[in-house]
Amino acid sequence: MVWTVVVPLKSLARAKSRLSGAAGTRGDGLRPALALAFALDTVAAALAARQVAGVVVVTDDPLAAPKLADLGARIVAEPPGGGLNAALAHGADAVRARAPESGVVTLNADLPALRPAELTRVLNAAAAFPRAFLADAAGIGTTLLSAAPGVMLAPAFEGLSRARHRASGANEILLDGVDSVRQDVDTPQDLRAALALGAGARTTEAAAGLLIAD
């Protein structure tokens, strides 16, 4: 199956508040740079995965949008008055309007260690189901949700999204060896884990010199 990836990215100025501790004295000035690096590494890896026909990024951020477009992503403006799930549904609608034969898969924008081969394995598993999802490294949230052509995405992200996606009828993808697709970054400990997995070049550069507590 051919897939189009939808990546939501909120304003960089509001992103990754829980990384302030990792940023140390550079504080709020570094958080947007980290969030942008995460998104760029995520999108670059997704575009390199087999079966991925394209990436749509739902964002209104004026700095991130052109940089992501330069990588080859299509930029779609956020819907007014929405949140994360509204942004994802809007992105899915944009995909279906242009490529109705494509499956839709959402990815978090903070998967800086994402490896194309591991994403390909997850997408191959997802192709067996109308809707499927992958839990995050913590086992509480979700980093990926897929919907086959003609199937509503019905995203239920934020908080305890693993349980909500399972309750919605989506099949959970249970694969070993896809840690890079599970490892999103919200805390300094998450960032340490992503760097240990082998983060992309942009994240590695942005995080250089940080003292990240265990």
N, C-alpha and C. Protein backbone atom coordinates (compact mmCIF):
# COMPACT_ATOMS: atom_id res chain seq x y z
N MET A 1 0.84 -1.19 0.00
CA MET A 1 0.00 0.00 0.00
C MET A 1 0.88 1.25 0.00
N VAL A 2 0.43 2.25 -0.74
CA VAL A 2 1.10 3.55 -0.73
C VAL A 2 0.49 4.41 0.37
N TRP A 3 1.35 5.13 1.09
CA TRP A 3 0.90 5.94 2.22
C TRP A 3 1.29 7.40 2.02
N THR A 4 0.45 8.28 2.55
CA THR A 4 0.82 9.68 2.72
C THR A 4 0.83 9.96 4.22
N VAL A 5 1.92 10.55 4.67
CA VAL A 5 2.13 10.81 6.09
C VAL A 5 1.64 12.21 6.44
N VAL A 6 0.91 12.32 7.54
CA VAL A 6 0.46 13.61 8.06
C VAL A 6 1.19 13.88 9.37
N VAL A 7 1.86 15.02 9.44
CA VAL A 7 2.63 15.39 10.63
C VAL A 7 2.08 16.72 11.16
N PRO A 8 1.62 16.77 12.40
CA PRO A 8 1.15 18.03 12.97
C PRO A 8 2.28 18.75 13.69
N LEU A 9 2.37 20.05 13.52
CA LEU A 9 3.42 20.82 14.20
C LEU A 9 2.82 22.13 14.69
N LYS A 10 2.74 22.28 16.00
CA LYS A 10 2.22 23.52 16.55
C LYS A 10 3.32 24.58 16.53
N SER A 11 2.96 25.78 16.91
CA SER A 11 3.90 26.89 16.93
C SER A 11 5.16 26.53 17.71
N LEU A 12 6.31 26.78 17.12
CA LEU A 12 7.58 26.45 17.77
C LEU A 12 7.73 27.20 19.10
N ALA A 13 7.18 28.39 19.19
CA ALA A 13 7.30 29.17 20.42
C ALA A 13 6.60 28.50 21.59
N ARG A 14 5.60 27.67 21.29
CA ARG A 14 4.85 26.99 22.36
C ARG A 14 5.26 25.54 22.55
N ALA A 15 6.21 25.09 21.76
CA ALA A 15 6.53 23.67 21.74
C ALA A 15 7.52 23.28 22.83
N LYS A 16 7.36 22.04 23.30
CA LYS A 16 8.35 21.37 24.13
C LYS A 16 8.70 22.12 25.42
N SER A 17 7.67 22.58 26.13
CA SER A 17 7.91 23.29 27.39
C SER A 17 8.59 22.41 28.43
N ARG A 18 8.37 21.10 28.34
CA ARG A 18 8.96 20.19 29.34
C ARG A 18 10.45 19.94 29.09
N LEU A 19 10.98 20.51 28.01
CA LEU A 19 12.42 20.40 27.75
C LEU A 19 13.21 21.58 28.33
N SER A 20 12.55 22.47 29.05
CA SER A 20 13.25 23.62 29.58
C SER A 20 14.42 23.21 30.47
N GLY A 21 14.26 22.12 31.22
CA GLY A 21 15.33 21.66 32.09
C GLY A 21 16.56 21.23 31.32
N ALA A 22 16.34 20.62 30.16
CA ALA A 22 17.47 20.19 29.34
C ALA A 22 18.17 21.37 28.69
N ALA A 23 17.43 22.45 28.46
CA ALA A 23 17.99 23.61 27.79
C ALA A 23 18.88 24.44 28.70
N GLY A 24 18.76 24.24 30.01
CA GLY A 24 19.61 24.94 30.96
C GLY A 24 19.48 26.45 30.83
N THR A 25 20.61 27.16 30.84
CA THR A 25 20.58 28.62 30.80
C THR A 25 20.08 29.15 29.46
N ARG A 26 20.11 28.30 28.42
CA ARG A 26 19.62 28.75 27.12
C ARG A 26 18.10 28.71 27.05
N GLY A 27 17.49 27.95 27.96
CA GLY A 27 16.05 27.95 28.20
C GLY A 27 15.15 28.03 26.99
N ASP A 28 14.26 29.05 27.03
CA ASP A 28 13.23 29.16 26.01
C ASP A 28 13.79 29.46 24.63
N GLY A 29 15.02 29.95 24.55
CA GLY A 29 15.59 30.19 23.24
C GLY A 29 15.97 28.92 22.52
N LEU A 30 16.25 27.84 23.25
CA LEU A 30 16.66 26.59 22.63
C LEU A 30 15.47 25.68 22.31
N ARG A 31 14.40 25.77 23.09
CA ARG A 31 13.27 24.87 22.86
C ARG A 31 12.73 24.93 21.44
N PRO A 32 12.50 26.13 20.88
CA PRO A 32 12.01 26.16 19.49
C PRO A 32 13.00 25.54 18.51
N ALA A 33 14.29 25.74 18.75
CA ALA A 33 15.29 25.15 17.86
C ALA A 33 15.26 23.63 17.93
N LEU A 34 15.09 23.09 19.13
CA LEU A 34 14.97 21.64 19.28
C LEU A 34 13.72 21.12 18.59
N ALA A 35 12.59 21.79 18.82
CA ALA A 35 11.33 21.34 18.21
C ALA A 35 11.43 21.35 16.69
N LEU A 36 12.07 22.38 16.13
CA LEU A 36 12.23 22.44 14.68
C LEU A 36 13.15 21.32 14.19
N ALA A 37 14.23 21.07 14.92
CA ALA A 37 15.15 19.99 14.53
C ALA A 37 14.44 18.64 14.57
N PHE A 38 13.65 18.41 15.61
CA PHE A 38 12.89 17.15 15.69
C PHE A 38 12.01 16.99 14.45
N ALA A 39 11.28 18.05 14.12
CA ALA A 39 10.34 17.96 13.00
C ALA A 39 11.07 17.73 11.67
N LEU A 40 12.18 18.43 11.47
CA LEU A 40 12.92 18.26 10.23
C LEU A 40 13.48 16.84 10.10
N ASP A 41 14.03 16.31 11.19
CA ASP A 41 14.55 14.94 11.14
C ASP A 41 13.43 13.92 10.94
N THR A 42 12.28 14.17 11.57
CA THR A 42 11.14 13.26 11.41
C THR A 42 10.66 13.23 9.96
N VAL A 43 10.46 14.40 9.40
CA VAL A 43 9.94 14.48 8.03
C VAL A 43 10.95 13.94 7.03
N ALA A 44 12.22 14.24 7.21
CA ALA A 44 13.23 13.72 6.28
C ALA A 44 13.26 12.20 6.29
N ALA A 45 13.16 11.60 7.47
CA ALA A 45 13.17 10.14 7.56
C ALA A 45 11.90 9.55 6.95
N ALA A 46 10.76 10.19 7.20
CA ALA A 46 9.50 9.68 6.63
C ALA A 46 9.54 9.72 5.10
N LEU A 47 10.06 10.79 4.54
CA LEU A 47 10.14 10.90 3.08
C LEU A 47 11.06 9.84 2.48
N ALA A 48 12.00 9.34 3.27
CA ALA A 48 12.94 8.34 2.77
C ALA A 48 12.42 6.92 2.90
N ALA A 49 11.27 6.73 3.53
CA ALA A 49 10.74 5.38 3.73
C ALA A 49 10.04 4.87 2.48
N ARG A 50 10.24 3.60 2.19
CA ARG A 50 9.51 2.97 1.09
C ARG A 50 8.02 3.01 1.40
N GLN A 51 7.23 3.07 0.40
CA GLN A 51 5.77 3.15 0.44
C GLN A 51 5.23 4.52 0.83
N VAL A 52 6.10 5.45 1.21
CA VAL A 52 5.63 6.80 1.54
C VAL A 52 5.68 7.65 0.27
N ALA A 53 4.48 8.06 -0.16
CA ALA A 53 4.39 8.85 -1.39
C ALA A 53 4.59 10.33 -1.14
N GLY A 54 4.38 10.76 0.09
CA GLY A 54 4.53 12.17 0.40
C GLY A 54 4.23 12.43 1.87
N VAL A 55 4.57 13.63 2.30
CA VAL A 55 4.34 14.05 3.68
C VAL A 55 3.60 15.38 3.65
N VAL A 56 2.53 15.46 4.43
CA VAL A 56 1.78 16.69 4.62
C VAL A 56 2.04 17.16 6.05
N VAL A 57 2.50 18.39 6.22
CA VAL A 57 2.70 18.96 7.54
C VAL A 57 1.62 20.00 7.79
N VAL A 58 0.90 19.83 8.88
CA VAL A 58 -0.16 20.77 9.25
C VAL A 58 0.44 21.75 10.26
N THR A 59 0.68 22.97 9.81
CA THR A 59 1.32 23.96 10.68
C THR A 59 1.04 25.37 10.19
N ASP A 60 1.07 26.31 11.13
CA ASP A 60 1.03 27.73 10.78
C ASP A 60 2.32 28.43 11.17
N ASP A 61 3.32 27.67 11.61
CA ASP A 61 4.54 28.31 12.08
C ASP A 61 5.31 28.91 10.90
N PRO A 62 5.60 30.20 10.94
CA PRO A 62 6.22 30.85 9.78
C PRO A 62 7.69 30.49 9.58
N LEU A 63 8.36 30.01 10.61
CA LEU A 63 9.75 29.58 10.45
C LEU A 63 9.83 28.14 9.97
N ALA A 64 9.02 27.27 10.57
CA ALA A 64 9.09 25.85 10.24
C ALA A 64 8.56 25.54 8.85
N ALA A 65 7.48 26.20 8.45
CA ALA A 65 6.81 25.84 7.20
C ALA A 65 7.74 25.86 5.99
N PRO A 66 8.49 26.93 5.74
CA PRO A 66 9.36 26.92 4.55
C PRO A 66 10.50 25.92 4.63
N LYS A 67 11.02 25.70 5.83
CA LYS A 67 12.10 24.73 5.98
C LYS A 67 11.61 23.31 5.69
N LEU A 68 10.41 23.00 6.16
CA LEU A 68 9.83 21.68 5.90
C LEU A 68 9.46 21.53 4.43
N ALA A 69 8.97 22.61 3.83
CA ALA A 69 8.65 22.58 2.40
C ALA A 69 9.91 22.34 1.57
N ASP A 70 11.04 22.90 2.01
CA ASP A 70 12.30 22.69 1.30
C ASP A 70 12.71 21.22 1.29
N LEU A 71 12.28 20.47 2.31
CA LEU A 71 12.58 19.04 2.35
C LEU A 71 11.71 18.24 1.38
N GLY A 72 10.60 18.85 0.95
CA GLY A 72 9.68 18.16 0.06
C GLY A 72 8.31 17.93 0.64
N ALA A 73 8.06 18.45 1.85
CA ALA A 73 6.74 18.29 2.47
C ALA A 73 5.75 19.29 1.87
N ARG A 74 4.51 18.91 1.85
CA ARG A 74 3.42 19.82 1.48
C ARG A 74 2.89 20.45 2.76
N ILE A 75 2.76 21.76 2.80
CA ILE A 75 2.32 22.46 3.99
C ILE A 75 0.83 22.78 3.88
N VAL A 76 0.11 22.43 4.94
CA VAL A 76 -1.32 22.72 5.02
C VAL A 76 -1.55 23.54 6.29
N ALA A 77 -2.27 24.63 6.16
CA ALA A 77 -2.53 25.49 7.31
C ALA A 77 -3.43 24.79 8.33
N GLU A 78 -3.21 25.12 9.60
CA GLU A 78 -4.04 24.55 10.65
C GLU A 78 -5.47 25.04 10.51
N PRO A 79 -6.46 24.20 10.86
CA PRO A 79 -7.85 24.66 10.83
C PRO A 79 -8.10 25.64 11.97
N PRO A 80 -8.95 26.61 11.79
CA PRO A 80 -9.21 27.58 12.87
C PRO A 80 -9.92 26.92 14.05
N GLY A 81 -9.49 27.31 15.24
CA GLY A 81 -10.17 26.86 16.45
C GLY A 81 -10.03 25.40 16.76
N GLY A 82 -9.03 24.73 16.21
CA GLY A 82 -8.89 23.30 16.44
C GLY A 82 -7.85 22.99 17.47
N GLY A 83 -7.51 21.75 17.60
CA GLY A 83 -6.43 21.27 18.43
C GLY A 83 -5.68 20.23 17.64
N LEU A 84 -4.98 19.36 18.34
CA LEU A 84 -4.18 18.34 17.65
C LEU A 84 -5.03 17.42 16.80
N ASN A 85 -6.11 16.89 17.36
CA ASN A 85 -6.93 15.94 16.61
C ASN A 85 -7.63 16.60 15.43
N ALA A 86 -8.05 17.84 15.61
CA ALA A 86 -8.65 18.57 14.48
C ALA A 86 -7.63 18.81 13.38
N ALA A 87 -6.39 19.10 13.77
CA ALA A 87 -5.34 19.32 12.78
C ALA A 87 -5.07 18.03 12.00
N LEU A 88 -5.05 16.90 12.69
CA LEU A 88 -4.80 15.62 12.02
C LEU A 88 -5.94 15.27 11.07
N ALA A 89 -7.18 15.46 11.52
CA ALA A 89 -8.32 15.18 10.66
C ALA A 89 -8.30 16.08 9.42
N HIS A 90 -7.92 17.34 9.63
CA HIS A 90 -7.82 18.29 8.52
C HIS A 90 -6.73 17.85 7.54
N GLY A 91 -5.60 17.40 8.06
CA GLY A 91 -4.54 16.91 7.20
C GLY A 91 -4.97 15.68 6.42
N ALA A 92 -5.68 14.77 7.09
CA ALA A 92 -6.17 13.58 6.40
C ALA A 92 -7.13 13.95 5.28
N ASP A 93 -8.01 14.93 5.54
CA ASP A 93 -8.94 15.38 4.49
C ASP A 93 -8.18 15.96 3.30
N ALA A 94 -7.10 16.70 3.59
CA ALA A 94 -6.31 17.28 2.51
C ALA A 94 -5.66 16.19 1.66
N VAL A 95 -5.21 15.11 2.31
CA VAL A 95 -4.64 13.99 1.57
C VAL A 95 -5.69 13.33 0.70
N ARG A 96 -6.85 13.06 1.29
CA ARG A 96 -7.90 12.34 0.57
C ARG A 96 -8.44 13.16 -0.61
N ALA A 97 -8.43 14.48 -0.47
CA ALA A 97 -8.93 15.32 -1.56
C ALA A 97 -8.02 15.23 -2.78
N ARG A 98 -6.73 15.02 -2.56
CA ARG A 98 -5.78 14.99 -3.66
C ARG A 98 -5.40 13.56 -4.07
N ALA A 99 -5.40 12.63 -3.12
CA ALA A 99 -4.96 11.25 -3.40
C ALA A 99 -5.87 10.26 -2.66
N PRO A 100 -7.10 10.08 -3.12
CA PRO A 100 -8.03 9.21 -2.40
C PRO A 100 -7.60 7.75 -2.34
N GLU A 101 -6.70 7.35 -3.23
CA GLU A 101 -6.26 5.96 -3.24
C GLU A 101 -5.14 5.70 -2.23
N SER A 102 -4.65 6.75 -1.58
CA SER A 102 -3.54 6.61 -0.64
C SER A 102 -4.05 6.29 0.76
N GLY A 103 -3.33 5.43 1.47
CA GLY A 103 -3.56 5.30 2.89
C GLY A 103 -3.03 6.54 3.59
N VAL A 104 -3.59 6.84 4.76
CA VAL A 104 -3.16 7.99 5.54
C VAL A 104 -2.55 7.50 6.83
N VAL A 105 -1.39 8.02 7.17
CA VAL A 105 -0.75 7.65 8.43
C VAL A 105 -0.23 8.90 9.10
N THR A 106 -0.56 9.08 10.37
CA THR A 106 -0.06 10.22 11.12
C THR A 106 1.20 9.83 11.86
N LEU A 107 2.11 10.78 11.97
CA LEU A 107 3.32 10.62 12.77
C LEU A 107 3.48 11.84 13.66
N ASN A 108 3.90 11.62 14.89
CA ASN A 108 4.27 12.75 15.74
C ASN A 108 5.43 13.50 15.10
N ALA A 109 5.51 14.79 15.38
CA ALA A 109 6.58 15.62 14.82
C ALA A 109 7.86 15.54 15.64
N ASP A 110 7.85 14.73 16.70
CA ASP A 110 9.01 14.67 17.60
C ASP A 110 9.58 13.26 17.68
N LEU A 111 9.90 12.73 16.50
CA LEU A 111 10.52 11.40 16.40
C LEU A 111 11.91 11.56 15.76
N PRO A 112 12.84 12.24 16.44
CA PRO A 112 14.09 12.62 15.79
C PRO A 112 15.03 11.48 15.48
N ALA A 113 14.78 10.29 16.06
CA ALA A 113 15.62 9.13 15.75
C ALA A 113 14.98 8.22 14.71
N LEU A 114 13.89 8.67 14.11
CA LEU A 114 13.13 7.84 13.18
C LEU A 114 14.01 7.27 12.08
N ARG A 115 13.88 5.95 11.86
CA ARG A 115 14.63 5.27 10.81
C ARG A 115 13.67 4.81 9.73
N PRO A 116 13.95 5.14 8.48
CA PRO A 116 13.03 4.77 7.40
C PRO A 116 12.71 3.28 7.36
N ALA A 117 13.70 2.42 7.59
CA ALA A 117 13.45 0.97 7.52
C ALA A 117 12.48 0.52 8.61
N GLU A 118 12.58 1.11 9.79
CA GLU A 118 11.66 0.73 10.87
C GLU A 118 10.26 1.26 10.59
N LEU A 119 10.16 2.47 10.05
CA LEU A 119 8.85 2.98 9.66
C LEU A 119 8.23 2.09 8.59
N THR A 120 9.02 1.63 7.65
CA THR A 120 8.51 0.73 6.61
C THR A 120 7.94 -0.54 7.21
N ARG A 121 8.61 -1.11 8.20
CA ARG A 121 8.08 -2.31 8.87
C ARG A 121 6.73 -2.04 9.52
N VAL A 122 6.60 -0.89 10.17
CA VAL A 122 5.34 -0.55 10.81
C VAL A 122 4.24 -0.35 9.77
N LEU A 123 4.56 0.32 8.68
CA LEU A 123 3.56 0.54 7.63
C LEU A 123 3.14 -0.77 6.99
N ASN A 124 4.06 -1.69 6.80
CA ASN A 124 3.70 -3.01 6.26
C ASN A 124 2.72 -3.72 7.19
N ALA A 125 2.95 -3.61 8.49
CA ALA A 125 2.03 -4.23 9.46
C ALA A 125 0.68 -3.52 9.45
N ALA A 126 0.70 -2.19 9.34
CA ALA A 126 -0.55 -1.43 9.35
C ALA A 126 -1.42 -1.74 8.15
N ALA A 127 -0.81 -2.11 7.04
CA ALA A 127 -1.57 -2.36 5.81
C ALA A 127 -2.55 -3.52 5.94
N ALA A 128 -2.39 -4.34 6.97
CA ALA A 128 -3.29 -5.48 7.16
C ALA A 128 -4.62 -5.09 7.81
N PHE A 129 -4.75 -3.83 8.25
CA PHE A 129 -5.92 -3.42 9.04
C PHE A 129 -6.56 -2.15 8.46
N PRO A 130 -7.86 -1.98 8.66
CA PRO A 130 -8.49 -0.72 8.25
C PRO A 130 -7.91 0.47 8.99
N ARG A 131 -7.71 0.32 10.31
CA ARG A 131 -7.07 1.35 11.13
C ARG A 131 -6.11 0.64 12.07
N ALA A 132 -4.97 1.27 12.32
CA ALA A 132 -3.99 0.66 13.20
C ALA A 132 -3.20 1.76 13.89
N PHE A 133 -2.56 1.40 15.02
CA PHE A 133 -1.78 2.40 15.73
C PHE A 133 -0.58 1.74 16.39
N LEU A 134 0.41 2.59 16.71
CA LEU A 134 1.61 2.15 17.40
C LEU A 134 1.75 2.95 18.68
N ALA A 135 1.91 2.26 19.79
CA ALA A 135 2.07 2.94 21.07
C ALA A 135 3.45 3.58 21.18
N ASP A 136 3.53 4.61 22.01
CA ASP A 136 4.82 5.26 22.22
C ASP A 136 5.70 4.44 23.16
N ALA A 137 6.92 4.90 23.37
CA ALA A 137 7.88 4.16 24.19
C ALA A 137 7.41 4.01 25.62
N ALA A 138 6.64 4.97 26.11
CA ALA A 138 6.13 4.91 27.47
C ALA A 138 4.96 3.94 27.62
N GLY A 139 4.36 3.53 26.49
CA GLY A 139 3.24 2.61 26.54
C GLY A 139 1.93 3.26 26.92
N ILE A 140 1.87 4.57 26.86
CA ILE A 140 0.66 5.30 27.27
C ILE A 140 0.04 6.03 26.08
N GLY A 141 0.89 6.67 25.30
CA GLY A 141 0.41 7.45 24.17
C GLY A 141 0.52 6.71 22.86
N THR A 142 0.47 7.46 21.77
CA THR A 142 0.50 6.92 20.41
C THR A 142 1.43 7.78 19.58
N THR A 143 2.27 7.15 18.79
CA THR A 143 3.12 7.92 17.87
C THR A 143 2.67 7.80 16.42
N LEU A 144 1.86 6.80 16.10
CA LEU A 144 1.45 6.57 14.70
C LEU A 144 0.04 6.02 14.68
N LEU A 145 -0.77 6.56 13.79
CA LEU A 145 -2.13 6.07 13.55
C LEU A 145 -2.35 6.01 12.06
N SER A 146 -2.89 4.90 11.58
CA SER A 146 -3.08 4.74 10.13
C SER A 146 -4.53 4.45 9.80
N ALA A 147 -4.90 4.81 8.59
CA ALA A 147 -6.23 4.49 8.06
C ALA A 147 -6.09 4.13 6.59
N ALA A 148 -6.68 3.01 6.20
CA ALA A 148 -6.64 2.57 4.81
C ALA A 148 -7.48 3.51 3.95
N PRO A 149 -7.30 3.46 2.63
CA PRO A 149 -8.12 4.30 1.75
C PRO A 149 -9.61 4.10 2.02
N GLY A 150 -10.33 5.21 2.11
CA GLY A 150 -11.77 5.15 2.34
C GLY A 150 -12.18 4.96 3.78
N VAL A 151 -11.23 4.85 4.69
CA VAL A 151 -11.52 4.64 6.11
C VAL A 151 -11.22 5.94 6.87
N MET A 152 -12.13 6.34 7.74
CA MET A 152 -11.91 7.56 8.52
C MET A 152 -10.75 7.36 9.48
N LEU A 153 -9.94 8.40 9.63
CA LEU A 153 -8.79 8.33 10.52
C LEU A 153 -9.22 8.30 11.99
N ALA A 154 -10.14 9.16 12.37
CA ALA A 154 -10.68 9.23 13.75
C ALA A 154 -9.56 9.32 14.79
N PRO A 155 -8.72 10.35 14.73
CA PRO A 155 -7.62 10.46 15.69
C PRO A 155 -8.12 10.79 17.09
N ALA A 156 -7.45 10.22 18.09
CA ALA A 156 -7.80 10.46 19.49
C ALA A 156 -6.52 10.63 20.29
N PHE A 157 -5.67 11.54 19.84
CA PHE A 157 -4.37 11.75 20.46
C PHE A 157 -4.48 12.58 21.73
N GLU A 158 -3.34 12.72 22.40
CA GLU A 158 -3.12 13.45 23.64
C GLU A 158 -3.54 12.58 24.84
N GLY A 159 -2.72 12.65 25.87
CA GLY A 159 -3.02 11.89 27.08
C GLY A 159 -2.95 10.39 26.87
N LEU A 160 -3.95 9.69 27.34
CA LEU A 160 -3.98 8.22 27.30
C LEU A 160 -4.49 7.73 25.95
N SER A 161 -3.80 8.13 24.89
CA SER A 161 -4.32 7.86 23.55
C SER A 161 -4.19 6.40 23.14
N ARG A 162 -3.26 5.66 23.74
CA ARG A 162 -3.16 4.24 23.41
C ARG A 162 -4.48 3.54 23.74
N ALA A 163 -5.00 3.79 24.93
CA ALA A 163 -6.27 3.15 25.34
C ALA A 163 -7.43 3.65 24.48
N ARG A 164 -7.43 4.94 24.15
CA ARG A 164 -8.54 5.47 23.35
C ARG A 164 -8.52 4.92 21.93
N HIS A 165 -7.36 4.81 21.34
CA HIS A 165 -7.30 4.27 19.98
C HIS A 165 -7.69 2.79 19.97
N ARG A 166 -7.28 2.05 20.99
CA ARG A 166 -7.68 0.65 21.06
C ARG A 166 -9.21 0.55 21.22
N ALA A 167 -9.77 1.40 22.09
CA ALA A 167 -11.22 1.37 22.32
C ALA A 167 -12.00 1.78 21.07
N SER A 168 -11.37 2.58 20.21
CA SER A 168 -12.06 3.03 18.99
C SER A 168 -12.12 1.95 17.91
N GLY A 169 -11.44 0.82 18.15
CA GLY A 169 -11.46 -0.27 17.18
C GLY A 169 -10.21 -0.38 16.34
N ALA A 170 -9.26 0.54 16.53
CA ALA A 170 -8.00 0.45 15.79
C ALA A 170 -7.18 -0.73 16.32
N ASN A 171 -6.49 -1.41 15.43
CA ASN A 171 -5.64 -2.54 15.83
C ASN A 171 -4.28 -2.04 16.29
N GLU A 172 -3.82 -2.53 17.43
CA GLU A 172 -2.50 -2.13 17.90
C GLU A 172 -1.43 -2.93 17.17
N ILE A 173 -0.43 -2.23 16.67
CA ILE A 173 0.70 -2.87 16.00
C ILE A 173 1.70 -3.30 17.07
N LEU A 174 1.96 -4.59 17.14
CA LEU A 174 2.86 -5.15 18.15
C LEU A 174 4.09 -5.69 17.44
N LEU A 175 5.11 -4.86 17.36
CA LEU A 175 6.35 -5.22 16.69
C LEU A 175 7.52 -4.91 17.62
N ASP A 176 8.50 -5.79 17.62
CA ASP A 176 9.77 -5.49 18.27
C ASP A 176 10.71 -4.84 17.26
N GLY A 177 11.71 -4.14 17.78
CA GLY A 177 12.73 -3.59 16.90
C GLY A 177 12.32 -2.38 16.10
N VAL A 178 11.30 -1.64 16.57
CA VAL A 178 10.89 -0.40 15.90
C VAL A 178 10.93 0.75 16.91
N ASP A 179 11.96 0.74 17.76
CA ASP A 179 12.06 1.73 18.82
C ASP A 179 12.10 3.16 18.29
N SER A 180 12.68 3.35 17.11
CA SER A 180 12.80 4.71 16.59
C SER A 180 11.44 5.30 16.21
N VAL A 181 10.45 4.45 15.95
CA VAL A 181 9.11 4.93 15.61
C VAL A 181 8.29 5.18 16.88
N ARG A 182 8.74 4.64 17.98
CA ARG A 182 8.05 4.80 19.26
C ARG A 182 8.59 5.96 20.09
N GLN A 183 9.85 6.34 19.86
CA GLN A 183 10.53 7.25 20.78
C GLN A 183 10.27 8.71 20.45
N ASP A 184 9.13 9.22 20.96
CA ASP A 184 8.88 10.64 20.85
C ASP A 184 9.61 11.36 21.98
N VAL A 185 9.67 12.67 21.92
CA VAL A 185 10.48 13.43 22.87
C VAL A 185 9.65 14.53 23.51
N ASP A 186 9.35 14.33 24.79
CA ASP A 186 8.66 15.35 25.57
C ASP A 186 9.50 15.83 26.74
N THR A 187 10.38 14.99 27.26
CA THR A 187 11.14 15.30 28.47
C THR A 187 12.64 15.18 28.19
N PRO A 188 13.47 15.69 29.09
CA PRO A 188 14.91 15.49 28.91
C PRO A 188 15.30 14.02 28.83
N GLN A 189 14.63 13.16 29.58
CA GLN A 189 14.93 11.74 29.53
C GLN A 189 14.58 11.16 28.16
N ASP A 190 13.49 11.62 27.57
CA ASP A 190 13.14 11.18 26.22
C ASP A 190 14.21 11.61 25.22
N LEU A 191 14.71 12.82 25.39
CA LEU A 191 15.74 13.30 24.48
C LEU A 191 17.01 12.47 24.62
N ARG A 192 17.37 12.13 25.84
CA ARG A 192 18.52 11.27 26.04
C ARG A 192 18.32 9.93 25.32
N ALA A 193 17.12 9.36 25.43
CA ALA A 193 16.84 8.07 24.79
C ALA A 193 16.92 8.18 23.27
N ALA A 194 16.39 9.27 22.72
CA ALA A 194 16.44 9.46 21.27
C ALA A 194 17.87 9.61 20.78
N LEU A 195 18.67 10.36 21.51
CA LEU A 195 20.07 10.52 21.13
C LEU A 195 20.82 9.20 21.22
N ALA A 196 20.47 8.38 22.20
CA ALA A 196 21.12 7.07 22.33
C ALA A 196 20.74 6.15 21.18
N LEU A 197 19.51 6.28 20.67
CA LEU A 197 19.10 5.48 19.52
C LEU A 197 19.83 5.91 18.25
N GLY A 198 20.21 7.18 18.20
CA GLY A 198 20.86 7.72 17.01
C GLY A 198 19.97 8.73 16.33
N ALA A 199 19.87 9.92 16.90
CA ALA A 199 19.01 10.96 16.35
C ALA A 199 19.57 11.47 15.03
N GLY A 200 18.69 12.14 14.27
CA GLY A 200 19.10 12.72 13.01
C GLY A 200 20.11 13.84 13.20
N ALA A 201 20.71 14.27 12.11
CA ALA A 201 21.80 15.24 12.16
C ALA A 201 21.36 16.57 12.75
N ARG A 202 20.16 17.01 12.43
CA ARG A 202 19.70 18.32 12.91
C ARG A 202 19.50 18.30 14.42
N THR A 203 18.91 17.22 14.92
CA THR A 203 18.70 17.10 16.36
C THR A 203 20.02 16.96 17.09
N THR A 204 20.91 16.17 16.54
CA THR A 204 22.22 15.99 17.16
C THR A 204 22.94 17.32 17.27
N GLU A 205 22.85 18.13 16.24
CA GLU A 205 23.51 19.44 16.27
C GLU A 205 22.83 20.37 17.27
N ALA A 206 21.51 20.40 17.26
CA ALA A 206 20.78 21.31 18.16
C ALA A 206 20.98 20.94 19.63
N ALA A 207 21.18 19.65 19.90
CA ALA A 207 21.32 19.19 21.28
C ALA A 207 22.76 19.15 21.75
N ALA A 208 23.69 19.51 20.88
CA ALA A 208 25.12 19.43 21.23
C ALA A 208 25.42 20.28 22.46
N GLY A 209 26.10 19.69 23.41
CA GLY A 209 26.51 20.42 24.60
C GLY A 209 25.49 20.46 25.71
N LEU A 210 24.30 19.91 25.49
CA LEU A 210 23.30 19.91 26.55
C LEU A 210 23.69 18.93 27.65
N LEU A 211 23.41 19.31 28.86
CA LEU A 211 23.61 18.41 30.01
C LEU A 211 22.23 17.88 30.38
N ILE A 212 21.96 16.64 30.00
CA ILE A 212 20.62 16.06 30.18
C ILE A 212 20.67 15.14 31.37
N ALA A 213 19.89 15.45 32.40
CA ALA A 213 19.89 14.66 33.63
C ALA A 213 19.29 13.28 33.38
N ASP A 214 19.79 12.27 34.15
CA ASP A 214 19.21 10.92 34.08
C ASP A 214 17.83 10.94 34.71
